[in-house]
C-alpha atoms as a PDB file:
ATOM      1  CA  MET A   1     170.707 129.354 171.250  1.00  0.00           C
ATOM      2  CA  PRO A   2     166.538 128.503 171.546  1.00  0.00           C
ATOM      3  CA  LEU A   3     165.934 125.252 170.930  1.00  0.00           C
ATOM      4  CA  ILE A   4     163.553 124.472 167.562  1.00  0.00           C
ATOM      5  CA  PRO A   5     161.149 122.024 168.643  1.00  0.00           C
ATOM      6  CA  GLU A   6     161.752 119.430 166.169  1.00  0.00           C
ATOM      7  CA  GLU A   7     159.011 118.504 163.620  1.00  0.00           C
ATOM      8  CA  PRO A   8     157.043 115.461 164.320  1.00  0.00           C
ATOM      9  CA  GLN A   9     158.647 112.357 162.423  1.00  0.00           C
ATOM     10  CA  ILE A  10     156.001 110.493 160.671  1.00  0.00           C
ATOM     11  CA  HIS A  11     156.556 107.257 161.587  1.00  0.00           C
ATOM     12  CA  GLU A  12     155.835 104.448 158.107  1.00  0.00           C
ATOM     13  CA  SER A  13     153.170 102.718 160.589  1.00  0.00           C
ATOM     14  CA  ALA A  14     151.172 106.031 159.588  1.00  0.00           C
ATOM     15  CA  GLN A  15     151.817 105.898 155.988  1.00  0.00           C
ATOM     16  CA  GLY A  16     148.863 104.740 153.747  1.00  0.00           C
ATOM     17  CA  PRO A  17     147.648 100.818 153.163  1.00  0.00           C
ATOM     18  CA  ARG A  18     150.911  98.782 151.868  1.00  0.00           C
ATOM     19  CA  ALA A  19     150.278  97.670 148.147  1.00  0.00           C
ATOM     20  CA  THR A  20     150.833  93.653 149.776  1.00  0.00           C
ATOM     21  CA  PRO A  21     147.579  92.249 151.072  1.00  0.00           C
ATOM     22  CA  ALA A  22     147.737  91.004 154.497  1.00  0.00           C
ATOM     23  CA  SER A  23     147.707  87.192 155.161  1.00  0.00           C
ATOM     24  CA  GLY A  24     146.921  85.540 151.996  1.00  0.00           C
ATOM     25  CA  ARG A  25     144.208  87.692 151.667  1.00  0.00           C
ATOM     26  CA  THR A  26     143.897  89.406 147.679  1.00  0.00           C
ATOM     27  CA  ALA A  27     142.384  91.885 146.334  1.00  0.00           C
ATOM     28  CA  PRO A  28     138.719  91.554 145.626  1.00  0.00           C
ATOM     29  CA  THR A  29     138.375  91.143 141.909  1.00  0.00           C
ATOM     30  CA  PRO A  30     135.060  92.620 140.260  1.00  0.00           C
ATOM     31  CA  ARG A  31     133.752  89.462 138.635  1.00  0.00           C
ATOM     32  CA  PRO A  32     131.496  90.071 135.612  1.00  0.00           C
ATOM     33  CA  VAL A  33     127.693  89.392 136.346  1.00  0.00           C
ATOM     34  CA  PRO A  34     125.975  87.468 133.857  1.00  0.00           C
ATOM     35  CA  GLY A  35     122.997  89.242 131.989  1.00  0.00           C
ATOM     36  CA  PRO A  36     120.131  87.304 130.754  1.00  0.00           C
ATOM     37  CA  ARG A  37     120.542  85.257 128.015  1.00  0.00           C
ATOM     38  CA  PRO A  38     120.192  86.184 124.688  1.00  0.00           C
ATOM     39  CA  ALA A  39     116.294  85.520 123.177  1.00  0.00           C
ATOM     40  CA  ALA A  40     116.651  82.561 120.614  1.00  0.00           C
ATOM     41  CA  PRO A  41     115.781  83.912 117.612  1.00  0.00           C
ATOM     42  CA  PRO A  42     111.868  82.954 116.591  1.00  0.00           C
ATOM     43  CA  ARG A  43     111.470  79.642 114.706  1.00  0.00           C
ATOM     44  CA  PRO A  44     109.735  80.009 111.105  1.00  0.00           C
ATOM     45  CA  GLY A  45     105.739  80.079 111.512  1.00  0.00           C
ATOM     46  CA  ARG A  46     103.970  77.503 109.749  1.00  0.00           C
ATOM     47  CA  HIS A  47     102.387  80.190 107.333  1.00  0.00           C
ATOM     48  CA  GLY A  48     105.978  81.256 105.846  1.00  0.00           C
ATOM     49  CA  PRO A  49     106.440  81.450 101.495  1.00  0.00           C
ATOM     50  CA  LEU A  50     107.336  77.602 101.892  1.00  0.00           C
ATOM     51  CA  ARG A  51     104.844  74.982 103.926  1.00  0.00           C
ATOM     52  CA  PRO A  52     106.374  73.232 106.097  1.00  0.00           C
ATOM     53  CA  ALA A  53     105.882  69.686 106.367  1.00  0.00           C
ATOM     54  CA  PRO A  54     105.790  68.987 110.086  1.00  0.00           C
ATOM     55  CA  PRO A  55     106.004  65.079 110.556  1.00  0.00           C
ATOM     56  CA  VAL A  56     106.249  64.637 113.927  1.00  0.00           C
ATOM     57  CA  GLN A  57     102.573  64.775 114.588  1.00  0.00           C
ATOM     58  CA  ARG A  58     101.052  63.795 111.674  1.00  0.00           C
ATOM     59  CA  ALA A  59      97.754  62.581 111.913  1.00  0.00           C
ATOM     60  CA  PRO A  60      95.906  61.101 108.930  1.00  0.00           C
ATOM     61  CA  ARG A  61      92.151  61.885 111.285  1.00  0.00           C
ATOM     62  CA  ASP A  62      93.395  65.535 110.722  1.00  0.00           C
ATOM     63  CA  VAL A  63      92.810  65.614 107.117  1.00  0.00           C
ATOM     64  CA  ALA A  64      88.576  64.789 107.935  1.00  0.00           C
ATOM     65  CA  VAL A  65      88.835  68.903 109.094  1.00  0.00           C
ATOM     66  CA  ALA A  66      88.481  70.041 105.921  1.00  0.00           C
ATOM     67  CA  GLN A  67      85.980  72.936 105.781  1.00  0.00           C
ATOM     68  CA  PRO A  68      82.651  74.028 106.650  1.00  0.00           C
ATOM     69  CA  GLY A  69      79.985  71.659 107.886  1.00  0.00           C
ATOM     70  CA  PRO A  70      79.742  68.594 110.348  1.00  0.00           C
ATOM     71  CA  SER A  71      83.082  66.899 110.824  1.00  0.00           C
ATOM     72  CA  GLY A  72      82.474  63.184 109.626  1.00  0.00           C
ATOM     73  CA  PRO A  73      84.093  60.006 111.482  1.00  0.00           C
ATOM     74  CA  ASP A  74      88.082  60.164 111.789  1.00  0.00           C
ATOM     75  CA  ALA A  75      89.131  58.653 109.010  1.00  0.00           C
ATOM     76  CA  PRO A  76      91.542  56.329 110.681  1.00  0.00           C
ATOM     77  CA  ALA A  77      88.831  54.884 112.748  1.00  0.00           C
ATOM     78  CA  ALA A  78      86.685  54.074 109.669  1.00  0.00           C
ATOM     79  CA  SER A  79      89.789  52.300 107.816  1.00  0.00           C
ATOM     80  CA  ALA A  80      90.871  50.408 111.166  1.00  0.00           C
ATOM     81  CA  SER A  81      86.975  48.536 110.943  1.00  0.00           C
ATOM     82  CA  ALA A  82      86.418  48.490 107.445  1.00  0.00           C
ATOM     83  CA  PRO A  83      88.829  46.222 104.517  1.00  0.00           C
ATOM     84  CA  ALA A  84      91.299  47.745 102.816  1.00  0.00           C
ATOM     85  CA  SER A  85      88.722  48.456  99.650  1.00  0.00           C
ATOM     86  CA  ALA A  86      86.208  50.735 101.799  1.00  0.00           C
ATOM     87  CA  THR A  87      84.567  53.701 100.172  1.00  0.00           C
ATOM     88  CA  PRO A  88      86.386  56.546 101.212  1.00  0.00           C
ATOM     89  CA  GLN A  89      85.343  59.136 103.248  1.00  0.00           C
ATOM     90  CA  ILE A  90      83.389  61.951 101.147  1.00  0.00           C
ATOM     91  CA  GLN A  91      83.170  65.566 101.800  1.00  0.00           C
ATOM     92  CA  LEU A  92      81.432  68.290 100.015  1.00  0.00           C
ATOM     93  CA  ILE A  93      82.227  72.279 100.302  1.00  0.00           C
ATOM     94  CA  PRO A  94      79.651  74.015  98.698  1.00  0.00           C
ATOM     95  CA  ALA A  95      81.244  76.725  96.147  1.00  0.00           C
ATOM     96  CA  SER A  96      80.032  78.552  92.972  1.00  0.00           C
ATOM     97  CA  ALA A  97      81.419  77.213  89.617  1.00  0.00           C
ATOM     98  CA  GLU A  98      83.412  80.010  89.721  1.00  0.00           C
ATOM     99  CA  GLY A  99      84.745  79.435  93.393  1.00  0.00           C
ATOM    100  CA  ALA A 100      85.146  75.792  93.194  1.00  0.00           C
ATOM    101  CA  LEU A 101      88.886  76.189  92.387  1.00  0.00           C
ATOM    102  CA  ASP A 102      89.764  78.765  95.336  1.00  0.00           C
ATOM    103  CA  ALA A 103      87.926  76.387  97.624  1.00  0.00           C
ATOM    104  CA  ALA A 104      89.625  73.229  96.187  1.00  0.00           C
ATOM    105  CA  GLU A 105      93.165  75.311  96.987  1.00  0.00           C
ATOM    106  CA  GLU A 106      92.283  76.101 100.417  1.00  0.00           C
ATOM    107  CA  ALA A 107      91.218  72.662 100.991  1.00  0.00           C
ATOM    108  CA  VAL A 108      94.816  71.454  99.614  1.00  0.00           C
ATOM    109  CA  ASP A 109      96.330  74.147 101.945  1.00  0.00           C
ATOM    110  CA  LEU A 110      94.522  72.127 105.275  1.00  0.00           C
ATOM    111  CA  LEU A 111      95.411  69.168 104.079  1.00  0.00           C
ATOM    112  CA  LEU A 112      99.057  70.484 103.757  1.00  0.00           C
ATOM    113  CA  ASP A 113      98.882  72.292 107.108  1.00  0.00           C
ATOM    114  CA  SER A 114      97.235  69.420 108.737  1.00  0.00           C
ATOM    115  CA  GLY A 115     100.392  66.946 108.168  1.00  0.00           C
ATOM    116  CA  ARG A 116      99.592  65.489 104.393  1.00  0.00           C
ATOM    117  CA  ALA A 117     102.385  64.577 102.433  1.00  0.00           C
ATOM    118  CA  PRO A 118     101.796  66.503  99.045  1.00  0.00           C
ATOM    119  CA  GLY A 119     102.207  63.684  97.262  1.00  0.00           C
ATOM    120  CA  ASP A 120      99.074  62.178  98.919  1.00  0.00           C
ATOM    121  CA  VAL A 121      96.978  64.322  96.830  1.00  0.00           C
ATOM    122  CA  LEU A 122      95.691  64.680  93.602  1.00  0.00           C
ATOM    123  CA  VAL A 123      93.132  67.618  92.216  1.00  0.00           C
ATOM    124  CA  ILE A 124      90.912  67.560  89.234  1.00  0.00           C
ATOM    125  CA  THR A 125      89.138  70.006  87.489  1.00  0.00           C
ATOM    126  CA  THR A 126      86.337  69.858  85.802  1.00  0.00           C
ATOM    127  CA  GLY A 127      86.406  73.215  83.594  1.00  0.00           C
ATOM    128  CA  GLU A 128      89.450  75.721  83.488  1.00  0.00           C
ATOM    129  CA  HIS A 129      92.626  73.798  84.088  1.00  0.00           C
ATOM    130  CA  HIS A 130      94.440  74.710  87.257  1.00  0.00           C
ATOM    131  CA  PRO A 131      97.279  77.485  86.337  1.00  0.00           C
ATOM    132  CA  TRP A 132      99.903  74.888  87.599  1.00  0.00           C
ATOM    133  CA  ALA A 133      98.637  72.205  85.143  1.00  0.00           C
ATOM    134  CA  ALA A 134      98.509  74.953  82.284  1.00  0.00           C
ATOM    135  CA  HIS A 135     102.111  76.442  82.791  1.00  0.00           C
ATOM    136  CA  GLU A 136     103.716  72.724  83.123  1.00  0.00           C
ATOM    137  CA  LEU A 137     101.579  71.384  80.092  1.00  0.00           C
ATOM    138  CA  SER A 138     103.527  74.154  78.261  1.00  0.00           C
ATOM    139  CA  PHE A 139     106.640  72.194  78.578  1.00  0.00           C
ATOM    140  CA  GLY A 140     104.964  69.357  77.147  1.00  0.00           C
ATOM    141  CA  GLU A 141     102.866  66.201  78.479  1.00  0.00           C
ATOM    142  CA  ALA A 142     105.721  64.053  78.811  1.00  0.00           C
ATOM    143  CA  ALA A 143     107.481  66.516  81.343  1.00  0.00           C
ATOM    144  CA  TYR A 144     104.110  66.752  82.937  1.00  0.00           C
ATOM    145  CA  TRP A 145     103.192  63.471  83.367  1.00  0.00           C
ATOM    146  CA  ALA A 146     106.804  63.084  84.489  1.00  0.00           C
ATOM    147  CA  GLN A 147     105.791  65.075  87.760  1.00  0.00           C
ATOM    148  CA  HIS A 148     103.079  62.743  88.118  1.00  0.00           C
ATOM    149  CA  GLU A 149     105.296  59.390  88.179  1.00  0.00           C
ATOM    150  CA  ALA A 150     107.662  60.912  90.767  1.00  0.00           C
ATOM    151  CA  GLY A 151     104.855  61.437  93.330  1.00  0.00           C
ATOM    152  CA  ASP A 152     106.661  64.301  95.615  1.00  0.00           C
ATOM    153  CA  ASP A 153     104.036  66.892  95.030  1.00  0.00           C
ATOM    154  CA  VAL A 154     100.262  67.650  94.851  1.00  0.00           C
ATOM    155  CA  PHE A 155      99.272  67.045  90.781  1.00  0.00           C
ATOM    156  CA  TYR A 156      96.693  68.549  89.222  1.00  0.00           C
ATOM    157  CA  ALA A 157      95.111  67.011  86.241  1.00  0.00           C
ATOM    158  CA  ASP A 158      91.722  67.840  83.973  1.00  0.00           C
ATOM    159  CA  ALA A 159      89.201  66.048  84.206  1.00  0.00           C
ATOM    160  CA  ALA A 160      89.516  64.707  80.549  1.00  0.00           C
ATOM    161  CA  VAL A 161      92.805  63.097  81.439  1.00  0.00           C
ATOM    162  CA  ALA A 162      92.320  62.353  84.798  1.00  0.00           C
ATOM    163  CA  SER A 163      92.074  58.819  84.042  1.00  0.00           C
ATOM    164  CA  ARG A 164      95.809  58.636  83.470  1.00  0.00           C
ATOM    165  CA  ALA A 165      96.242  59.510  86.887  1.00  0.00           C
ATOM    166  CA  ALA A 166      96.963  56.838  89.614  1.00  0.00           C
ATOM    167  CA  SER A 167      94.914  56.489  93.181  1.00  0.00           C
ATOM    168  CA  ARG A 168      96.056  58.598  96.153  1.00  0.00           C
ATOM    169  CA  PRO A 169      94.931  59.203  99.235  1.00  0.00           C
ATOM    170  CA  VAL A 170      93.115  62.217  98.955  1.00  0.00           C
ATOM    171  CA  VAL A 171      91.103  63.740  95.584  1.00  0.00           C
ATOM    172  CA  VAL A 172      90.053  66.845  95.394  1.00  0.00           C
ATOM    173  CA  VAL A 173      87.416  67.704  93.027  1.00  0.00           C
ATOM    174  CA  ALA A 174      86.684  70.791  91.722  1.00  0.00           C
ATOM    175  CA  VAL A 175      83.359  71.171  89.790  1.00  0.00           C
ATOM    176  CA  ASN A 176      84.684  74.451  88.140  1.00  0.00           C
ATOM    177  CA  GLY A 177      82.455  74.676  84.650  1.00  0.00           C
ATOM    178  CA  GLY A 178      82.848  72.272  82.013  1.00  0.00           C
ATOM    179  CA  PRO A 179      80.189  69.899  80.138  1.00  0.00           C
ATOM    180  CA  ALA A 180      77.883  68.601  82.507  1.00  0.00           C
ATOM    181  CA  ALA A 181      79.571  64.888  81.343  1.00  0.00           C
ATOM    182  CA  ALA A 182      82.653  66.224  82.466  1.00  0.00           C
ATOM    183  CA  ALA A 183      81.450  66.605  86.248  1.00  0.00           C
ATOM    184  CA  ALA A 184      79.367  63.075  85.899  1.00  0.00           C
ATOM    185  CA  ASP A 185      82.633  61.131  84.539  1.00  0.00           C
ATOM    186  CA  ALA A 186      85.286  63.264  87.072  1.00  0.00           C
ATOM    187  CA  LEU A 187      83.573  62.207  90.661  1.00  0.00           C
ATOM    188  CA  PRO A 188      83.220  58.490  90.137  1.00  0.00           C
ATOM    189  CA  LEU A 189      86.636  58.451  88.730  1.00  0.00           C
ATOM    190  CA  ALA A 190      87.704  60.566  91.568  1.00  0.00           C
ATOM    191  CA  LEU A 191      85.914  58.164  94.087  1.00  0.00           C
ATOM    192  CA  ALA A 192      87.833  55.314  92.437  1.00  0.00           C
ATOM    193  CA  ARG A 193      91.020  57.195  92.688  1.00  0.00           C
ATOM    194  CA  ALA A 194      90.307  58.363  96.557  1.00  0.00           C
ATOM    195  CA  GLY A 195      92.014  55.926  98.939  1.00  0.00           C
ATOM    196  CA  ALA A 196      90.829  57.437 102.294  1.00  0.00           C
ATOM    197  CA  LEU A 197      89.376  60.665 101.378  1.00  0.00           C
ATOM    198  CA  LEU A 198      87.428  62.400  98.515  1.00  0.00           C
ATOM    199  CA  ILE A 199      86.945  66.031  98.836  1.00  0.00           C
ATOM    200  CA  VAL A 200      84.174  68.096  96.413  1.00  0.00           C
ATOM    201  CA  CYS A 201      83.791  71.342  95.846  1.00  0.00           C
ATOM    202  CA  GLY A 202      81.181  72.610  93.975  1.00  0.00           C
ATOM    203  CA  ASP A 203      77.450  72.636  93.803  1.00  0.00           C
ATOM    204  CA  PRO A 204      75.973  70.699  96.029  1.00  0.00           C
ATOM    205  CA  GLN A 205      72.803  69.274  93.789  1.00  0.00           C
ATOM    206  CA  GLN A 206      75.144  68.529  90.855  1.00  0.00           C
ATOM    207  CA  ILE A 207      77.320  67.171  93.265  1.00  0.00           C
ATOM    208  CA  ASN A 208      74.520  64.950  95.045  1.00  0.00           C
ATOM    209  CA  SER A 209      72.958  64.137  91.841  1.00  0.00           C
ATOM    210  CA  VAL A 210      76.147  62.353  90.377  1.00  0.00           C
ATOM    211  CA  LEU A 211      77.559  60.745  93.907  1.00  0.00           C
ATOM    212  CA  GLY A 212      73.991  59.963  95.040  1.00  0.00           C
ATOM    213  CA  ALA A 213      71.974  61.778  98.112  1.00  0.00           C
ATOM    214  CA  GLY A 214      72.923  62.560 101.118  1.00  0.00           C
ATOM    215  CA  VAL A 215      77.001  63.662 100.430  1.00  0.00           C
END
C-alpha cells in the first residue's frame, strides 16, 4: 500500500499571538489627546446696555478729560494743594441752546465711563426739563426729591428748583434756553454746588459774561 505523505502538522508555536501579553507588558491603550481649551466667553463690554461701574481703576483725575479743548490741571492735584473750600475746576463745552442738553449727556457719559459714581453728578438745565426729570416729576415732587435724597444716581434738576439740590462732586449745567435770568442764576449756584468740577454746556459768550472771562 503506498504511503501517503503525512500532512504537515501545525504546531502551536506557529499560531497567532496569544491573547496574554508577554512579561507584564500590557497592550497599549489609546489615551485621549487633550484638545485646546474652550475659549472663555467674552466679557461684557463697557458700552453695553448697562453702564458698568468699574471701581478698580477709579481716579478722580479722569473726570477732567470731559470734552474738546485743552485739558485743565488734574482735579486731585489741585485739591491736594488747595484748601477744601477751593473753587472747583470749570470746564466749558461750547454748544448751541438746542445742542446743550445733548452735550451735557455726553459729558455725563464720559464721567461715568471714567469711573465717577452716578451719585456724584448733578445736572442742571436752564430751559426745557431733561426727559428724566420730566418723567419722574409726573409721579409727584415727593417721589422726585426722594431720589435726590437717595443719592445713588445722576440727578437732573431745573434751574428754578436747583437751589434745593445738595452739593455734589460734579455739577453739569446745560444752558439749553430759557429766560436770560435762568442762566444768570443757575451758573453761580452750580459753581457753589460743585465740589470738584463744574462743566457748563452752552454759548461761551453768555457763560463768560456770568462766570467771568477766561472760563
